[in-house]
Amino acid sequence: MSPRERRPALSEEQLSEYVGRYVGDEPWRVGVELVDGRLMGTQSWTEGAVELVPDGEDHFFVRYDATPVQFIREEGRLVAVEVQGFRFAREQE
């Protein structure tokens, strides 16, 4: 069993903290939704959604290709997500 397979599952309540829309330079956007207890990500430049698997505090990876995804906090607040070196700011609700 790989280390990633041993990661503890997060509850829906914990996963819901990451749900939102994140924006980068136009027209780049990332969306994060909770679907059937799984965190799913979408990107404005591709079709379909990918599963984001927990890999540590605020760290996830894309299930199908292991792309790292990191959520960024400032003063305890979730403010952005970083994917492949690109940062997307969380839209305020």
Protein backbone atom coordinates (compact mmCIF):
# COMPACT_ATOMS: atom_id res chain seq x y z
CA MET A 1 0.00 0.00 0.00
CA SER A 2 1.41 3.38 -1.01
CA PRO A 3 1.59 6.30 1.45
CA ARG A 4 -1.18 8.06 -0.48
CA GLU A 5 -3.50 5.09 0.00
CA ARG A 6 -2.96 5.33 3.78
CA ARG A 7 -4.10 8.95 4.06
CA PRO A 8 -7.11 9.34 6.34
CA ALA A 9 -10.35 10.24 4.63
CA LEU A 10 -11.79 13.66 5.32
CA SER A 11 -15.41 14.10 6.31
CA GLU A 12 -17.83 15.91 4.01
CA GLU A 13 -17.79 18.78 6.50
CA GLN A 14 -14.00 19.05 6.23
CA LEU A 15 -14.05 18.77 2.43
CA SER A 16 -16.78 21.40 2.12
CA GLU A 17 -14.34 24.04 3.40
CA TYR A 18 -12.52 23.88 0.03
CA VAL A 19 -15.66 24.27 -2.12
CA GLY A 20 -15.73 27.47 -4.12
CA ARG A 21 -14.62 29.32 -7.21
CA TYR A 22 -11.05 30.40 -7.71
CA VAL A 23 -9.84 32.87 -10.35
CA GLY A 24 -6.50 33.48 -11.99
CA ASP A 25 -5.59 35.63 -14.95
CA GLU A 26 -8.57 35.87 -17.32
CA PRO A 27 -10.03 33.62 -18.53
CA TRP A 28 -8.54 30.99 -16.19
CA ARG A 29 -10.83 29.68 -13.45
CA VAL A 30 -10.92 26.67 -11.15
CA GLY A 31 -14.06 25.35 -9.51
CA VAL A 32 -14.22 22.97 -6.55
CA GLU A 33 -17.41 21.10 -5.66
CA LEU A 34 -18.43 18.35 -3.27
CA VAL A 35 -20.12 15.52 -5.20
CA ASP A 36 -21.21 12.30 -3.49
CA GLY A 37 -18.71 12.82 -0.68
CA ARG A 38 -15.76 13.48 -3.03
CA LEU A 39 -14.03 16.76 -3.78
CA MET A 40 -14.18 17.43 -7.52
CA GLY A 41 -12.27 20.09 -9.43
CA THR A 42 -12.98 21.71 -12.79
CA GLN A 43 -10.83 24.02 -14.88
CA SER A 44 -11.99 26.56 -17.43
CA TRP A 45 -9.47 25.29 -20.00
CA THR A 46 -10.56 21.62 -19.96
CA GLU A 47 -13.83 19.71 -19.95
CA GLY A 48 -15.02 17.44 -17.19
CA ALA A 49 -14.22 17.17 -13.51
CA VAL A 50 -11.37 15.43 -11.70
CA GLU A 51 -11.34 13.99 -8.20
CA LEU A 52 -9.09 15.75 -5.68
CA VAL A 53 -7.75 13.23 -3.16
CA PRO A 54 -6.49 14.42 0.27
CA ASP A 55 -2.72 14.16 0.68
CA GLY A 56 -2.11 16.09 3.90
CA GLU A 57 -3.36 19.32 5.42
CA ASP A 58 -4.53 21.56 2.55
CA HIS A 59 -2.72 19.28 0.08
CA PHE A 60 -4.50 17.15 -2.49
CA PHE A 61 -3.64 15.37 -5.71
CA VAL A 62 -5.63 14.70 -8.87
CA ARG A 63 -6.61 11.02 -8.81
CA TYR A 64 -5.98 10.22 -12.48
CA ASP A 65 -2.53 11.80 -12.92
CA ALA A 66 -1.25 12.70 -9.42
CA THR A 67 -1.02 16.45 -10.18
CA PRO A 68 -0.45 18.19 -6.84
CA VAL A 69 -3.05 20.72 -5.69
CA GLN A 70 -2.39 22.96 -2.68
CA PHE A 71 -4.89 25.21 -0.95
CA ILE A 72 -3.32 28.36 0.52
CA ARG A 73 -4.29 29.95 3.83
CA GLU A 74 -3.50 33.39 5.18
CA GLU A 75 -4.27 34.11 8.82
CA GLY A 76 -6.24 30.86 8.98
CA ARG A 77 -8.50 31.76 6.04
CA LEU A 78 -8.54 29.81 2.79
CA VAL A 79 -7.54 32.39 0.16
CA ALA A 80 -6.28 30.52 -2.93
CA VAL A 81 -5.48 27.25 -4.63
CA GLU A 82 -2.25 26.48 -6.45
CA VAL A 83 -2.15 24.03 -9.36
CA GLN A 84 1.06 23.33 -11.29
CA GLY A 85 2.63 26.57 -10.09
CA PHE A 86 -0.38 28.72 -11.02
CA ARG A 87 -2.23 30.47 -8.21
CA PHE A 88 -5.97 31.08 -8.27
CA ALA A 89 -7.52 33.45 -5.72
CA ARG A 90 -10.71 32.37 -3.98
CA GLU A 91 -13.72 34.45 -5.01
CA GLN A 92 -15.44 36.06 -2.06
CA GLU A 93 -18.98 34.86 -1.49
